[in-house]
Amino acid sequence: MHDKDFTQRFLFEDADVRGELAQLDQTYQQVLQRHAYPPAVAVLLGELLAAAALLVGTLKFDGLLTLQARSEGPLSLLMVECSSEREMRAIARYDQAQLGAEQGFKQLMPNGIMAMTIEPKDGQRYQGLVAFEGETLADSLNAYFANSEQLGSHFWLAADGQQARGFLLQQLPVDRVPEADQRQQHWEHVLTLAQTLTKDELFALDNATILHRLYHEENILLFDPATVCFNCSCSRERSIHALVSLGREDVEALLKEKQDLIEIDCQFCNERYLFDGKDVAQIFEQAEQSDQSQTVH
């Protein structure tokens, strides 16, 4: 067993299919430790964490991937951010009064949409949207890729409040198998075998064992794992930038309203940044000095 969270890619050597496996335990737990989510919400957030980790493993970019599930139901938002370095954070928004004891995805998130946003550090921002389909979060992700890509993708996701797991299969462009019917037959074959994988097996078995159980007659190349971790990008410096962007007059008015103490809370990790009158004065003095310096140069 690995002592760190990770994703791991695999490749069918005789077919145009690749896959990805994700194991998120510590990352998942660190997300849940910061918010007292009800069990049903925690499960769905874990599934979306696993999905984001799987996707980052398949994308070639330097930047940030955001997955959002929004709905008109008791669970109005699931949101996961994952950087190309596989640093993750996540949040959920829900109405406690509307939550039932045995509610699943369809009951918690009716009339919802799935959004995927890719923000490269250098390049154009991309966002795709699709309405929820099916009975599970994985079904909606499968529908997203069915609507947005020529090549097939299929997700299996599992979370239980302690562990989060993910399994992804993707078709690749024509290379090893040029004949269309043969490509489709093999794709359907690997999907059918993957459907036999249970959540208990996904939680309990290591990746090599999972792949051997499913595809022992196939030649599969299993790559080295890539570490995944929780890391929130909030900071005191970012909070200072937010205050400066508001402008001195508005911040001083807010300071007066808040009785000389401004609190900025990170919605993801619940870290709290405090600024009193002395802090605010110093922040804007430094900002003005910086502006003057840039003007001189």
C-alpha atoms as a PDB file:
ATOM      1  CA  MET A   1       0.000   0.000   0.000  1.00  0.00           C
ATOM      2  CA  HIS A   2       1.153   3.553  -0.666  1.00  0.00           C
ATOM      3  CA  ASP A   3       1.494   5.943   2.260  1.00  0.00           C
ATOM      4  CA  LYS A   4       0.661   8.926   0.043  1.00  0.00           C
ATOM      5  CA  ASP A   5      -2.235   9.823  -2.198  1.00  0.00           C
ATOM      6  CA  PHE A   6      -1.553   9.305  -5.879  1.00  0.00           C
ATOM      7  CA  THR A   7      -2.796   8.798  -9.394  1.00  0.00           C
ATOM      8  CA  GLN A   8      -1.385   6.110 -11.672  1.00  0.00           C
ATOM      9  CA  ARG A   9      -1.660   5.831 -15.427  1.00  0.00           C
ATOM     10  CA  PHE A  10      -1.856   2.594 -17.397  1.00  0.00           C
ATOM     11  CA  LEU A  11      -1.829   1.796 -21.099  1.00  0.00           C
ATOM     12  CA  PHE A  12      -3.150  -1.131 -23.121  1.00  0.00           C
ATOM     13  CA  GLU A  13      -0.147  -2.053 -25.254  1.00  0.00           C
ATOM     14  CA  ASP A  14      -2.177  -3.753 -28.000  1.00  0.00           C
ATOM     15  CA  ALA A  15      -5.077  -1.300 -28.191  1.00  0.00           C
ATOM     16  CA  ASP A  16      -5.780   2.422 -28.376  1.00  0.00           C
ATOM     17  CA  VAL A  17      -6.976   2.689 -24.784  1.00  0.00           C
ATOM     18  CA  ARG A  18      -5.435   4.213 -21.697  1.00  0.00           C
ATOM     19  CA  GLY A  19      -6.567   4.510 -18.103  1.00  0.00           C
ATOM     20  CA  GLU A  20      -5.964   6.230 -14.806  1.00  0.00           C
ATOM     21  CA  LEU A  21      -6.475   5.180 -11.190  1.00  0.00           C
ATOM     22  CA  ALA A  22      -6.730   7.560  -8.225  1.00  0.00           C
ATOM     23  CA  GLN A  23      -6.333   6.943  -4.494  1.00  0.00           C
ATOM     24  CA  LEU A  24      -7.159   9.880  -2.229  1.00  0.00           C
ATOM     25  CA  ASP A  25      -7.247   9.232   1.499  1.00  0.00           C
ATOM     26  CA  GLN A  26      -5.211  11.953   3.230  1.00  0.00           C
ATOM     27  CA  THR A  27      -6.298  14.626   0.746  1.00  0.00           C
ATOM     28  CA  TYR A  28      -9.940  13.645   1.212  1.00  0.00           C
ATOM     29  CA  GLN A  29      -9.604  13.636   4.995  1.00  0.00           C
ATOM     30  CA  GLN A  30      -7.957  17.056   5.044  1.00  0.00           C
ATOM     31  CA  VAL A  31     -10.866  18.472   3.030  1.00  0.00           C
ATOM     32  CA  LEU A  32     -13.412  16.929   5.414  1.00  0.00           C
ATOM     33  CA  GLN A  33     -11.556  18.032   8.560  1.00  0.00           C
ATOM     34  CA  ARG A  34     -12.137  21.665   7.622  1.00  0.00           C
ATOM     35  CA  HIS A  35     -15.921  21.364   7.276  1.00  0.00           C
ATOM     36  CA  ALA A  36     -18.489  19.259   9.139  1.00  0.00           C
ATOM     37  CA  TYR A  37     -20.165  17.893   6.020  1.00  0.00           C
ATOM     38  CA  PRO A  38     -23.111  15.487   6.361  1.00  0.00           C
ATOM     39  CA  PRO A  39     -22.215  11.934   5.227  1.00  0.00           C
ATOM     40  CA  ALA A  40     -24.107  12.092   1.912  1.00  0.00           C
ATOM     41  CA  VAL A  41     -22.405  15.379   1.004  1.00  0.00           C
ATOM     42  CA  ALA A  42     -18.986  14.040   2.025  1.00  0.00           C
ATOM     43  CA  VAL A  43     -19.431  11.002  -0.243  1.00  0.00           C
ATOM     44  CA  LEU A  44     -20.252  13.077  -3.335  1.00  0.00           C
ATOM     45  CA  LEU A  45     -17.444  15.531  -2.631  1.00  0.00           C
ATOM     46  CA  GLY A  46     -15.036  12.593  -2.377  1.00  0.00           C
ATOM     47  CA  GLU A  47     -16.224  11.281  -5.726  1.00  0.00           C
ATOM     48  CA  LEU A  48     -15.646  14.667  -7.372  1.00  0.00           C
ATOM     49  CA  LEU A  49     -12.174  14.878  -5.792  1.00  0.00           C
ATOM     50  CA  ALA A  50     -11.317  11.517  -7.349  1.00  0.00           C
ATOM     51  CA  ALA A  51     -12.692  12.636 -10.718  1.00  0.00           C
ATOM     52  CA  ALA A  52     -10.583  15.806 -10.734  1.00  0.00           C
ATOM     53  CA  ALA A  53      -7.437  13.864  -9.853  1.00  0.00           C
ATOM     54  CA  LEU A  54      -8.124  11.415 -12.689  1.00  0.00           C
ATOM     55  CA  LEU A  55      -8.644  14.212 -15.205  1.00  0.00           C
ATOM     56  CA  VAL A  56      -5.491  16.117 -14.307  1.00  0.00           C
ATOM     57  CA  GLY A  57      -3.566  12.911 -14.926  1.00  0.00           C
ATOM     58  CA  THR A  58      -4.812  12.864 -18.528  1.00  0.00           C
ATOM     59  CA  LEU A  59      -4.346  16.558 -19.385  1.00  0.00           C
ATOM     60  CA  LYS A  60      -1.148  18.114 -20.668  1.00  0.00           C
ATOM     61  CA  PHE A  61      -1.231  21.634 -19.254  1.00  0.00           C
ATOM     62  CA  ASP A  62       0.367  23.889 -16.643  1.00  0.00           C
ATOM     63  CA  GLY A  63      -2.354  25.551 -14.619  1.00  0.00           C
ATOM     64  CA  LEU A  64      -5.595  24.838 -12.773  1.00  0.00           C
ATOM     65  CA  LEU A  65      -8.511  22.463 -13.383  1.00  0.00           C
ATOM     66  CA  THR A  66     -11.842  23.214 -11.689  1.00  0.00           C
ATOM     67  CA  LEU A  67     -14.787  20.809 -11.600  1.00  0.00           C
ATOM     68  CA  GLN A  68     -18.129  22.190 -10.441  1.00  0.00           C
ATOM     69  CA  ALA A  69     -21.460  20.462  -9.963  1.00  0.00           C
ATOM     70  CA  ARG A  70     -24.332  22.915  -9.397  1.00  0.00           C
ATOM     71  CA  SER A  71     -28.001  22.216  -8.757  1.00  0.00           C
ATOM     72  CA  GLU A  72     -31.308  23.614  -7.533  1.00  0.00           C
ATOM     73  CA  GLY A  73     -31.527  20.987  -4.791  1.00  0.00           C
ATOM     74  CA  PRO A  74     -30.408  20.676  -1.166  1.00  0.00           C
ATOM     75  CA  LEU A  75     -26.803  20.317  -2.349  1.00  0.00           C
ATOM     76  CA  SER A  76     -26.314  23.433  -4.459  1.00  0.00           C
ATOM     77  CA  LEU A  77     -22.572  23.199  -5.114  1.00  0.00           C
ATOM     78  CA  LEU A  78     -19.691  20.758  -5.239  1.00  0.00           C
ATOM     79  CA  MET A  79     -16.420  22.335  -6.323  1.00  0.00           C
ATOM     80  CA  VAL A  80     -12.928  20.878  -6.639  1.00  0.00           C
ATOM     81  CA  GLU A  81      -9.763  22.614  -7.781  1.00  0.00           C
ATOM     82  CA  CYS A  82      -6.715  20.597  -8.836  1.00  0.00           C
ATOM     83  CA  SER A  83      -3.492  22.113 -10.128  1.00  0.00           C
ATOM     84  CA  SER A  84      -1.265  20.516 -12.737  1.00  0.00           C
ATOM     85  CA  GLU A  85       1.046  19.738  -9.775  1.00  0.00           C
ATOM     86  CA  ARG A  86      -1.863  17.700  -8.334  1.00  0.00           C
ATOM     87  CA  GLU A  87      -2.475  20.007  -5.378  1.00  0.00           C
ATOM     88  CA  MET A  88      -6.164  19.927  -4.479  1.00  0.00           C
ATOM     89  CA  ARG A  89      -8.829  21.738  -2.478  1.00  0.00           C
ATOM     90  CA  ALA A  90     -12.615  21.369  -2.409  1.00  0.00           C
ATOM     91  CA  ILE A  91     -15.846  22.763  -0.999  1.00  0.00           C
ATOM     92  CA  ALA A  92     -19.572  21.992  -0.858  1.00  0.00           C
ATOM     93  CA  ARG A  93     -22.585  24.247  -0.309  1.00  0.00           C
ATOM     94  CA  TYR A  94     -25.823  22.747   1.000  1.00  0.00           C
ATOM     95  CA  ASP A  95     -29.061  23.496   2.851  1.00  0.00           C
ATOM     96  CA  GLN A  96     -29.030  21.452   6.044  1.00  0.00           C
ATOM     97  CA  ALA A  97     -32.794  21.813   6.508  1.00  0.00           C
ATOM     98  CA  GLN A  98     -33.506  20.079   3.183  1.00  0.00           C
ATOM     99  CA  LEU A  99     -31.123  17.163   3.619  1.00  0.00           C
ATOM    100  CA  GLY A 100     -32.715  13.755   4.126  1.00  0.00           C
ATOM    101  CA  ALA A 101     -31.192  10.690   5.747  1.00  0.00           C
ATOM    102  CA  GLU A 102     -30.915   8.466   2.671  1.00  0.00           C
ATOM    103  CA  GLN A 103     -30.596  10.922  -0.183  1.00  0.00           C
ATOM    104  CA  GLY A 104     -28.406  10.101  -3.160  1.00  0.00           C
ATOM    105  CA  PHE A 105     -27.022  12.129  -6.028  1.00  0.00           C
ATOM    106  CA  LYS A 106     -30.311  12.590  -7.908  1.00  0.00           C
ATOM    107  CA  GLN A 107     -32.213  13.659  -4.786  1.00  0.00           C
ATOM    108  CA  LEU A 108     -29.502  16.016  -3.544  1.00  0.00           C
ATOM    109  CA  MET A 109     -28.692  17.625  -6.900  1.00  0.00           C
ATOM    110  CA  PRO A 110     -31.773  17.751  -9.174  1.00  0.00           C
ATOM    111  CA  ASN A 111     -31.739  19.823 -12.370  1.00  0.00           C
ATOM    112  CA  GLY A 112     -27.997  20.272 -12.155  1.00  0.00           C
ATOM    113  CA  ILE A 113     -25.125  21.095 -14.458  1.00  0.00           C
ATOM    114  CA  MET A 114     -21.522  19.937 -14.608  1.00  0.00           C
ATOM    115  CA  ALA A 115     -18.847  22.495 -15.465  1.00  0.00           C
ATOM    116  CA  MET A 116     -15.185  21.866 -16.217  1.00  0.00           C
ATOM    117  CA  THR A 117     -12.824  24.831 -16.388  1.00  0.00           C
ATOM    118  CA  ILE A 118      -9.176  24.690 -17.461  1.00  0.00           C
ATOM    119  CA  GLU A 119      -7.079  27.771 -16.725  1.00  0.00           C
ATOM    120  CA  PRO A 120      -3.549  27.484 -18.154  1.00  0.00           C
ATOM    121  CA  LYS A 121      -0.915  29.792 -16.703  1.00  0.00           C
ATOM    122  CA  ASP A 122      -0.149  30.779 -20.288  1.00  0.00           C
ATOM    123  CA  GLY A 123      -2.995  30.427 -22.731  1.00  0.00           C
ATOM    124  CA  GLN A 124      -6.725  30.721 -23.126  1.00  0.00           C
ATOM    125  CA  ARG A 125      -9.223  29.730 -20.446  1.00  0.00           C
ATOM    126  CA  TYR A 126     -11.605  26.926 -21.435  1.00  0.00           C
ATOM    127  CA  GLN A 127     -14.969  26.010 -19.906  1.00  0.00           C
ATOM    128  CA  GLY A 128     -17.462  23.320 -20.868  1.00  0.00           C
ATOM    129  CA  LEU A 129     -20.970  22.743 -19.466  1.00  0.00           C
ATOM    130  CA  VAL A 130     -23.422  19.840 -19.584  1.00  0.00           C
ATOM    131  CA  ALA A 131     -26.686  19.016 -17.812  1.00  0.00           C
ATOM    132  CA  PHE A 132     -26.656  16.141 -15.324  1.00  0.00           C
ATOM    133  CA  GLU A 133     -27.615  12.735 -16.694  1.00  0.00           C
ATOM    134  CA  GLY A 134     -28.023   9.325 -15.117  1.00  0.00           C
ATOM    135  CA  GLU A 135     -28.133   8.171 -11.519  1.00  0.00           C
ATOM    136  CA  THR A 136     -24.652   9.084 -10.286  1.00  0.00           C
ATOM    137  CA  LEU A 137     -21.977  11.732 -10.447  1.00  0.00           C
ATOM    138  CA  ALA A 138     -19.938   9.375 -12.632  1.00  0.00           C
ATOM    139  CA  ASP A 139     -22.882   9.107 -15.048  1.00  0.00           C
ATOM    140  CA  SER A 140     -22.925  12.892 -15.420  1.00  0.00           C
ATOM    141  CA  LEU A 141     -19.187  13.000 -16.084  1.00  0.00           C
ATOM    142  CA  ASN A 142     -19.582  10.268 -18.675  1.00  0.00           C
ATOM    143  CA  ALA A 143     -22.320  12.344 -20.325  1.00  0.00           C
ATOM    144  CA  TYR A 144     -20.090  15.423 -20.245  1.00  0.00           C
ATOM    145  CA  PHE A 145     -17.368  13.681 -22.217  1.00  0.00           C
ATOM    146  CA  ALA A 146     -19.832  11.951 -24.529  1.00  0.00           C
ATOM    147  CA  ASN A 147     -21.135  15.401 -25.501  1.00  0.00           C
ATOM    148  CA  SER A 148     -17.799  17.190 -25.727  1.00  0.00           C
ATOM    149  CA  GLU A 149     -15.289  14.696 -27.171  1.00  0.00           C
ATOM    150  CA  GLN A 150     -14.994  12.410 -30.172  1.00  0.00           C
ATOM    151  CA  LEU A 151     -13.194   9.740 -28.130  1.00  0.00           C
ATOM    152  CA  GLY A 152     -14.855   7.675 -25.402  1.00  0.00           C
ATOM    153  CA  SER A 153     -14.260   8.216 -21.676  1.00  0.00           C
ATOM    154  CA  HIS A 154     -15.783   6.336 -18.760  1.00  0.00           C
ATOM    155  CA  PHE A 155     -15.508   7.001 -15.002  1.00  0.00           C
ATOM    156  CA  TRP A 156     -15.998   4.793 -11.947  1.00  0.00           C
ATOM    157  CA  LEU A 157     -15.979   6.739  -8.661  1.00  0.00           C
ATOM    158  CA  ALA A 158     -16.269   5.677  -5.022  1.00  0.00           C
ATOM    159  CA  ALA A 159     -16.052   7.441  -1.649  1.00  0.00           C
ATOM    160  CA  ASP A 160     -17.195   6.526   1.859  1.00  0.00           C
ATOM    161  CA  GLY A 161     -16.194   9.449   4.079  1.00  0.00           C
ATOM    162  CA  GLN A 162     -12.757   7.904   4.691  1.00  0.00           C
ATOM    163  CA  GLN A 163     -11.423   6.924   1.277  1.00  0.00           C
ATOM    164  CA  ALA A 164     -11.951   8.254  -2.233  1.00  0.00           C
ATOM    165  CA  ARG A 165     -11.138   6.185  -5.315  1.00  0.00           C
ATOM    166  CA  GLY A 166     -11.424   6.657  -9.040  1.00  0.00           C
ATOM    167  CA  PHE A 167     -10.979   4.583 -12.188  1.00  0.00           C
ATOM    168  CA  LEU A 168     -10.989   6.044 -15.700  1.00  0.00           C
ATOM    169  CA  LEU A 169     -10.815   4.493 -19.154  1.00  0.00           C
ATOM    170  CA  GLN A 170     -10.259   6.606 -22.273  1.00  0.00           C
ATOM    171  CA  GLN A 171     -10.040   5.835 -25.954  1.00  0.00           C
ATOM    172  CA  LEU A 172      -6.939   7.151 -27.708  1.00  0.00           C
ATOM    173  CA  PRO A 173      -6.635   8.438 -31.278  1.00  0.00           C
ATOM    174  CA  VAL A 174      -6.111   5.770 -33.944  1.00  0.00           C
ATOM    175  CA  ASP A 175      -2.643   4.235 -33.659  1.00  0.00           C
ATOM    176  CA  ARG A 176      -2.343   0.528 -32.854  1.00  0.00           C
ATOM    177  CA  VAL A 177      -5.774  -0.516 -34.180  1.00  0.00           C
ATOM    178  CA  PRO A 178      -6.725   1.345 -37.387  1.00  0.00           C
ATOM    179  CA  GLU A 179      -9.836  -0.740 -38.198  1.00  0.00           C
ATOM    180  CA  ALA A 180     -12.945   1.040 -36.819  1.00  0.00           C
ATOM    181  CA  ASP A 181     -15.042  -2.039 -35.972  1.00  0.00           C
ATOM    182  CA  GLN A 182     -12.140  -3.710 -34.206  1.00  0.00           C
ATOM    183  CA  ARG A 183     -11.452  -0.527 -32.208  1.00  0.00           C
ATOM    184  CA  GLN A 184     -15.082  -0.325 -31.109  1.00  0.00           C
ATOM    185  CA  GLN A 185     -15.259  -4.009 -30.202  1.00  0.00           C
ATOM    186  CA  HIS A 186     -12.169  -3.749 -28.021  1.00  0.00           C
ATOM    187  CA  TRP A 187     -13.416  -0.563 -26.370  1.00  0.00           C
ATOM    188  CA  GLU A 188     -16.729  -2.236 -25.512  1.00  0.00           C
ATOM    189  CA  HIS A 189     -14.828  -5.285 -24.248  1.00  0.00           C
ATOM    190  CA  VAL A 190     -12.650  -3.330 -21.793  1.00  0.00           C
ATOM    191  CA  LEU A 191     -15.701  -1.358 -20.613  1.00  0.00           C
ATOM    192  CA  THR A 192     -17.693  -4.543 -20.008  1.00  0.00           C
ATOM    193  CA  LEU A 193     -14.889  -6.015 -17.920  1.00  0.00           C
ATOM    194  CA  ALA A 194     -14.523  -2.782 -15.942  1.00  0.00           C
ATOM    195  CA  GLN A 195     -18.230  -2.876 -15.077  1.00  0.00           C
ATOM    196  CA  THR A 196     -17.519  -5.967 -12.952  1.00  0.00           C
ATOM    197  CA  LEU A 197     -15.289  -3.938 -10.597  1.00  0.00           C
ATOM    198  CA  THR A 198     -17.056  -3.383  -7.264  1.00  0.00           C
ATOM    199  CA  LYS A 199     -16.610  -0.431  -4.918  1.00  0.00           C
ATOM    200  CA  ASP A 200     -15.289  -2.792  -2.239  1.00  0.00           C
ATOM    201  CA  GLU A 201     -12.584  -3.984  -4.642  1.00  0.00           C
ATOM    202  CA  LEU A 202     -11.742  -0.417  -5.626  1.00  0.00           C
ATOM    203  CA  PHE A 203     -11.233   0.423  -1.938  1.00  0.00           C
ATOM    204  CA  ALA A 204      -9.404  -2.748  -0.911  1.00  0.00           C
ATOM    205  CA  LEU A 205      -7.151  -3.763  -3.816  1.00  0.00           C
ATOM    206  CA  ASP A 206      -3.947  -2.177  -5.063  1.00  0.00           C
ATOM    207  CA  ASN A 207      -3.832  -0.986  -8.658  1.00  0.00           C
ATOM    208  CA  ALA A 208      -1.773  -3.856 -10.050  1.00  0.00           C
ATOM    209  CA  THR A 209      -4.218  -6.357  -8.542  1.00  0.00           C
ATOM    210  CA  ILE A 210      -7.237  -4.473  -9.909  1.00  0.00           C
ATOM    211  CA  LEU A 211      -5.787  -4.432 -13.415  1.00  0.00           C
ATOM    212  CA  HIS A 212      -4.801  -8.096 -13.259  1.00  0.00           C
ATOM    213  CA  ARG A 213      -8.270  -9.085 -12.065  1.00  0.00           C
ATOM    214  CA  LEU A 214      -9.958  -7.149 -14.857  1.00  0.00           C
ATOM    215  CA  TYR A 215      -7.505  -7.587 -17.709  1.00  0.00           C
ATOM    216  CA  HIS A 216      -5.247 -10.579 -17.048  1.00  0.00           C
ATOM    217  CA  GLU A 217      -5.438 -11.541 -20.740  1.00  0.00           C
ATOM    218  CA  GLU A 218      -4.301  -8.068 -21.877  1.00  0.00           C
ATOM    219  CA  ASN A 219      -0.815  -6.578 -22.083  1.00  0.00           C
ATOM    220  CA  ILE A 220      -0.901  -3.534 -19.820  1.00  0.00           C
ATOM    221  CA  LEU A 221       1.856  -1.060 -19.014  1.00  0.00           C
ATOM    222  CA  LEU A 222       1.452   0.446 -15.527  1.00  0.00           C
ATOM    223  CA  PHE A 223       3.321   3.722 -15.038  1.00  0.00           C
ATOM    224  CA  ASP A 224       4.874   5.091 -11.850  1.00  0.00           C
ATOM    225  CA  PRO A 225       2.425   6.807  -9.480  1.00  0.00           C
ATOM    226  CA  ALA A 226       2.202  10.612  -9.261  1.00  0.00           C
ATOM    227  CA  THR A 227       1.703  12.101  -5.794  1.00  0.00           C
ATOM    228  CA  VAL A 228      -1.481  14.039  -4.971  1.00  0.00           C
ATOM    229  CA  CYS A 229      -1.908  16.282  -1.915  1.00  0.00           C
ATOM    230  CA  PHE A 230      -4.193  18.836  -0.284  1.00  0.00           C
ATOM    231  CA  ASN A 231      -2.989  22.415  -0.548  1.00  0.00           C
ATOM    232  CA  CYS A 232      -5.106  25.547  -0.294  1.00  0.00           C
ATOM    233  CA  SER A 233      -3.836  28.491  -2.326  1.00  0.00           C
ATOM    234  CA  CYS A 234      -5.158  31.102   0.104  1.00  0.00           C
ATOM    235  CA  SER A 235      -2.624  33.295   1.933  1.00  0.00           C
ATOM    236  CA  ARG A 236      -2.358  36.513   3.912  1.00  0.00           C
ATOM    237  CA  GLU A 237      -0.727  38.103   0.872  1.00  0.00           C
ATOM    238  CA  ARG A 238      -3.734  37.247  -1.314  1.00  0.00           C
ATOM    239  CA  SER A 239      -6.041  38.707   1.319  1.00  0.00           C
ATOM    240  CA  ILE A 240      -3.973  41.904   1.291  1.00  0.00           C
ATOM    241  CA  HIS A 241      -4.295  42.099  -2.496  1.00  0.00           C
ATOM    242  CA  ALA A 242      -8.063  41.744  -2.120  1.00  0.00           C
ATOM    243  CA  LEU A 243      -8.166  44.647   0.338  1.00  0.00           C
ATOM    244  CA  VAL A 244      -5.998  46.851  -1.875  1.00  0.00           C
ATOM    245  CA  SER A 245      -8.259  46.125  -4.849  1.00  0.00           C
ATOM    246  CA  LEU A 246     -11.246  47.424  -2.842  1.00  0.00           C
ATOM    247  CA  GLY A 247      -9.539  50.772  -2.313  1.00  0.00           C
ATOM    248  CA  ARG A 248      -8.557  52.590   0.860  1.00  0.00           C
ATOM    249  CA  GLU A 249     -11.834  54.465   1.328  1.00  0.00           C
ATOM    250  CA  ASP A 250     -13.989  51.340   1.176  1.00  0.00           C
ATOM    251  CA  VAL A 251     -11.648  49.337   3.406  1.00  0.00           C
ATOM    252  CA  GLU A 252     -11.541  52.078   6.048  1.00  0.00           C
ATOM    253  CA  ALA A 253     -15.352  52.255   5.969  1.00  0.00           C
ATOM    254  CA  LEU A 254     -15.486  48.466   6.404  1.00  0.00           C
ATOM    255  CA  LEU A 255     -12.985  48.689   9.253  1.00  0.00           C
ATOM    256  CA  LYS A 256     -15.199  51.210  11.026  1.00  0.00           C
ATOM    257  CA  GLU A 257     -18.265  49.043  10.464  1.00  0.00           C
ATOM    258  CA  LYS A 258     -16.458  45.971  11.833  1.00  0.00           C
ATOM    259  CA  GLN A 259     -15.207  47.797  14.944  1.00  0.00           C
ATOM    260  CA  ASP A 260     -11.567  47.989  13.887  1.00  0.00           C
ATOM    261  CA  LEU A 261     -11.120  44.329  12.898  1.00  0.00           C
ATOM    262  CA  ILE A 262     -11.628  42.937   9.388  1.00  0.00           C
ATOM    263  CA  GLU A 263     -11.873  39.154   9.086  1.00  0.00           C
ATOM    264  CA  ILE A 264     -11.269  37.401   5.763  1.00  0.00           C
ATOM    265  CA  ASP A 265     -12.160  33.707   5.825  1.00  0.00           C
ATOM    266  CA  CYS A 266     -11.123  31.207   3.152  1.00  0.00           C
ATOM    267  CA  GLN A 267     -14.228  29.307   2.054  1.00  0.00           C
ATOM    268  CA  PHE A 268     -12.140  26.250   1.159  1.00  0.00           C
ATOM    269  CA  CYS A 269      -9.940  25.654   4.209  1.00  0.00           C
ATOM    270  CA  ASN A 270     -11.543  27.952   6.833  1.00  0.00           C
ATOM    271  CA  GLU A 271      -8.244  29.755   7.442  1.00  0.00           C
ATOM    272  CA  ARG A 272      -8.960  33.192   8.927  1.00  0.00           C
ATOM    273  CA  TYR A 273      -6.928  36.322   8.199  1.00  0.00           C
ATOM    274  CA  LEU A 274      -7.357  39.297  10.559  1.00  0.00           C
ATOM    275  CA  PHE A 275      -6.552  42.945   9.812  1.00  0.00           C
ATOM    276  CA  ASP A 276      -6.838  45.775  12.351  1.00  0.00           C
ATOM    277  CA  GLY A 277      -6.468  49.525  11.856  1.00  0.00           C
ATOM    278  CA  LYS A 278      -2.667  49.425  12.052  1.00  0.00           C
ATOM    279  CA  ASP A 279      -2.533  46.623   9.469  1.00  0.00           C
ATOM    280  CA  VAL A 280      -4.798  48.535   7.076  1.00  0.00           C
ATOM    281  CA  ALA A 281      -2.768  51.743   7.413  1.00  0.00           C
ATOM    282  CA  GLN A 282       0.461  49.860   6.731  1.00  0.00           C
ATOM    283  CA  ILE A 283      -1.028  47.971   3.771  1.00  0.00           C
ATOM    284  CA  PHE A 284      -2.101  51.139   1.975  1.00  0.00           C
ATOM    285  CA  GLU A 285       1.088  53.035   2.821  1.00  0.00           C
ATOM    286  CA  GLN A 286       3.090  50.252   1.211  1.00  0.00           C
ATOM    287  CA  ALA A 287       0.706  50.129  -1.766  1.00  0.00           C
ATOM    288  CA  GLU A 288       1.055  53.893  -2.292  1.00  0.00           C
ATOM    289  CA  GLN A 289       4.841  53.697  -2.027  1.00  0.00           C
ATOM    290  CA  SER A 290       4.848  50.895  -4.594  1.00  0.00           C
ATOM    291  CA  ASP A 291       2.676  52.959  -6.965  1.00  0.00           C
ATOM    292  CA  GLN A 292       4.995  55.956  -6.579  1.00  0.00           C
ATOM    293  CA  SER A 293       8.045  53.790  -7.240  1.00  0.00           C
ATOM    294  CA  GLN A 294       6.495  52.390 -10.431  1.00  0.00           C
ATOM    295  CA  THR A 295       5.580  55.908 -11.570  1.00  0.00           C
ATOM    296  CA  VAL A 296       9.174  57.105 -11.101  1.00  0.00           C
ATOM    297  CA  HIS A 297      10.532  54.213 -13.146  1.00  0.00           C
END
